[in-house]
Amino acid sequence: MADDLHTRYMRATDTWNAHRAGCATCQGGTRCEAGARLFERFSRLQDAYLNRPRAT
């Protein structure tokens, strides 16, 4: 599960960064409609990954 979560998180990061690099609207704190969706997905996956239960 963690590997799948990490893969989805990294893919969302790459997708958001690629969009932001080519979108004049998605600079600073402003986002276009598509950028807002991509950023939301990235944020949710990042939170899930960073807050996942870890084996001790």
N, C-alpha and C. Protein backbone atom coordinates (compact mmCIF):
# COMPACT_ATOMS: atom_id res chain seq x y z
N MET A 1 0.82 -1.21 0.00
CA MET A 1 0.00 0.00 0.00
C MET A 1 0.85 1.26 0.00
N ALA A 2 1.86 1.32 0.87
CA ALA A 2 2.68 2.52 0.95
C ALA A 2 3.39 2.79 -0.38
N ASP A 3 3.84 1.73 -1.05
CA ASP A 3 4.50 1.92 -2.33
C ASP A 3 3.55 2.52 -3.35
N ASP A 4 2.31 2.01 -3.37
CA ASP A 4 1.30 2.54 -4.28
C ASP A 4 0.99 4.00 -3.94
N LEU A 5 0.86 4.31 -2.68
CA LEU A 5 0.60 5.67 -2.25
C LEU A 5 1.75 6.59 -2.65
N HIS A 6 2.96 6.13 -2.44
CA HIS A 6 4.13 6.93 -2.83
C HIS A 6 4.15 7.17 -4.33
N THR A 7 3.85 6.14 -5.10
CA THR A 7 3.82 6.27 -6.56
C THR A 7 2.77 7.30 -6.99
N ARG A 8 1.57 7.21 -6.40
CA ARG A 8 0.51 8.17 -6.75
C ARG A 8 0.89 9.59 -6.33
N TYR A 9 1.50 9.72 -5.16
CA TYR A 9 1.95 11.02 -4.66
C TYR A 9 3.00 11.63 -5.59
N MET A 10 3.98 10.83 -6.01
CA MET A 10 5.02 11.34 -6.90
C MET A 10 4.46 11.69 -8.27
N ARG A 11 3.52 10.89 -8.76
CA ARG A 11 2.89 11.18 -10.05
C ARG A 11 2.10 12.49 -9.96
N ALA A 12 1.38 12.69 -8.88
CA ALA A 12 0.62 13.93 -8.69
C ALA A 12 1.55 15.13 -8.59
N THR A 13 2.69 14.94 -7.92
CA THR A 13 3.69 16.01 -7.83
C THR A 13 4.19 16.39 -9.21
N ASP A 14 4.56 15.40 -9.99
CA ASP A 14 5.07 15.64 -11.35
C ASP A 14 4.02 16.31 -12.22
N THR A 15 2.77 15.84 -12.12
CA THR A 15 1.69 16.41 -12.93
C THR A 15 1.44 17.86 -12.56
N TRP A 16 1.37 18.15 -11.26
CA TRP A 16 1.15 19.53 -10.80
C TRP A 16 2.32 20.42 -11.23
N ASN A 17 3.55 19.97 -11.05
CA ASN A 17 4.71 20.79 -11.44
C ASN A 17 4.75 21.06 -12.93
N ALA A 18 4.42 20.06 -13.74
CA ALA A 18 4.40 20.24 -15.20
C ALA A 18 3.32 21.24 -15.59
N HIS A 19 2.16 21.13 -14.98
CA HIS A 19 1.08 22.08 -15.28
C HIS A 19 1.49 23.49 -14.90
N ARG A 20 1.99 23.63 -13.69
CA ARG A 20 2.35 24.96 -13.18
C ARG A 20 3.44 25.61 -14.04
N ALA A 21 4.38 24.83 -14.53
CA ALA A 21 5.46 25.37 -15.36
C ALA A 21 4.95 25.96 -16.66
N GLY A 22 3.83 25.42 -17.17
CA GLY A 22 3.32 25.90 -18.44
C GLY A 22 2.08 26.76 -18.35
N CYS A 23 1.63 27.06 -17.15
CA CYS A 23 0.39 27.81 -16.97
C CYS A 23 0.69 29.19 -16.38
N ALA A 24 0.37 30.22 -17.13
CA ALA A 24 0.63 31.59 -16.66
C ALA A 24 -0.24 31.95 -15.45
N THR A 25 -1.40 31.33 -15.32
CA THR A 25 -2.30 31.63 -14.21
C THR A 25 -1.80 31.01 -12.90
N CYS A 26 -1.22 29.83 -12.98
CA CYS A 26 -0.82 29.08 -11.78
C CYS A 26 0.57 29.50 -11.30
N GLN A 27 0.70 30.76 -10.97
CA GLN A 27 1.94 31.28 -10.42
C GLN A 27 1.63 31.87 -9.06
N GLY A 28 2.52 31.70 -8.11
CA GLY A 28 2.26 32.19 -6.76
C GLY A 28 1.10 31.42 -6.14
N GLY A 29 0.15 32.12 -5.57
CA GLY A 29 -0.97 31.47 -4.91
C GLY A 29 -2.21 31.38 -5.76
N THR A 30 -2.15 31.84 -7.01
CA THR A 30 -3.30 31.83 -7.90
C THR A 30 -3.28 30.54 -8.73
N ARG A 31 -4.48 29.97 -8.96
CA ARG A 31 -4.57 28.74 -9.76
C ARG A 31 -5.75 28.82 -10.71
N CYS A 32 -5.55 28.27 -11.90
CA CYS A 32 -6.66 28.13 -12.83
C CYS A 32 -7.53 26.98 -12.37
N GLU A 33 -8.64 26.74 -13.04
CA GLU A 33 -9.55 25.66 -12.63
C GLU A 33 -8.87 24.30 -12.66
N ALA A 34 -8.17 24.01 -13.75
CA ALA A 34 -7.48 22.72 -13.85
C ALA A 34 -6.35 22.64 -12.83
N GLY A 35 -5.63 23.73 -12.65
CA GLY A 35 -4.53 23.76 -11.69
C GLY A 35 -5.01 23.56 -10.27
N ALA A 36 -6.16 24.11 -9.95
CA ALA A 36 -6.72 23.93 -8.61
C ALA A 36 -7.02 22.46 -8.33
N ARG A 37 -7.57 21.76 -9.32
CA ARG A 37 -7.85 20.33 -9.17
C ARG A 37 -6.55 19.53 -8.99
N LEU A 38 -5.55 19.86 -9.82
CA LEU A 38 -4.27 19.15 -9.73
C LEU A 38 -3.58 19.41 -8.40
N PHE A 39 -3.63 20.65 -7.95
CA PHE A 39 -3.01 20.99 -6.67
C PHE A 39 -3.73 20.31 -5.51
N GLU A 40 -5.04 20.25 -5.58
CA GLU A 40 -5.82 19.59 -4.53
C GLU A 40 -5.45 18.12 -4.45
N ARG A 41 -5.35 17.46 -5.59
CA ARG A 41 -4.96 16.04 -5.61
C ARG A 41 -3.56 15.86 -5.03
N PHE A 42 -2.63 16.70 -5.49
CA PHE A 42 -1.27 16.64 -4.95
C PHE A 42 -1.28 16.83 -3.43
N SER A 43 -2.01 17.82 -2.95
CA SER A 43 -2.05 18.12 -1.51
C SER A 43 -2.63 16.96 -0.70
N ARG A 44 -3.73 16.38 -1.19
CA ARG A 44 -4.34 15.25 -0.48
C ARG A 44 -3.41 14.05 -0.41
N LEU A 45 -2.75 13.75 -1.53
CA LEU A 45 -1.83 12.62 -1.55
C LEU A 45 -0.59 12.88 -0.69
N GLN A 46 -0.12 14.10 -0.71
CA GLN A 46 1.03 14.45 0.13
C GLN A 46 0.67 14.27 1.61
N ASP A 47 -0.48 14.79 2.00
CA ASP A 47 -0.91 14.64 3.39
C ASP A 47 -1.05 13.17 3.76
N ALA A 48 -1.67 12.39 2.87
CA ALA A 48 -1.85 10.96 3.15
C ALA A 48 -0.51 10.26 3.29
N TYR A 49 0.42 10.59 2.41
CA TYR A 49 1.72 9.94 2.46
C TYR A 49 2.50 10.34 3.72
N LEU A 50 2.51 11.62 4.04
CA LEU A 50 3.26 12.09 5.20
C LEU A 50 2.65 11.65 6.52
N ASN A 51 1.34 11.38 6.53
CA ASN A 51 0.66 10.98 7.76
C ASN A 51 0.35 9.48 7.81
N ARG A 52 0.92 8.70 6.91
CA ARG A 52 0.64 7.27 6.87
C ARG A 52 1.22 6.60 8.12
N PRO A 53 0.60 5.52 8.53
CA PRO A 53 1.16 4.74 9.66
C PRO A 53 2.49 4.12 9.23
N ARG A 54 3.44 4.18 10.08
CA ARG A 54 4.77 3.62 9.77
C ARG A 54 5.03 2.42 10.66
N ALA A 55 5.69 1.45 10.08
CA ALA A 55 6.07 0.25 10.86
C ALA A 55 7.14 0.65 11.87
N THR A 56 7.03 0.10 13.02
CA THR A 56 8.03 0.39 14.07
C THR A 56 8.84 -0.82 14.40
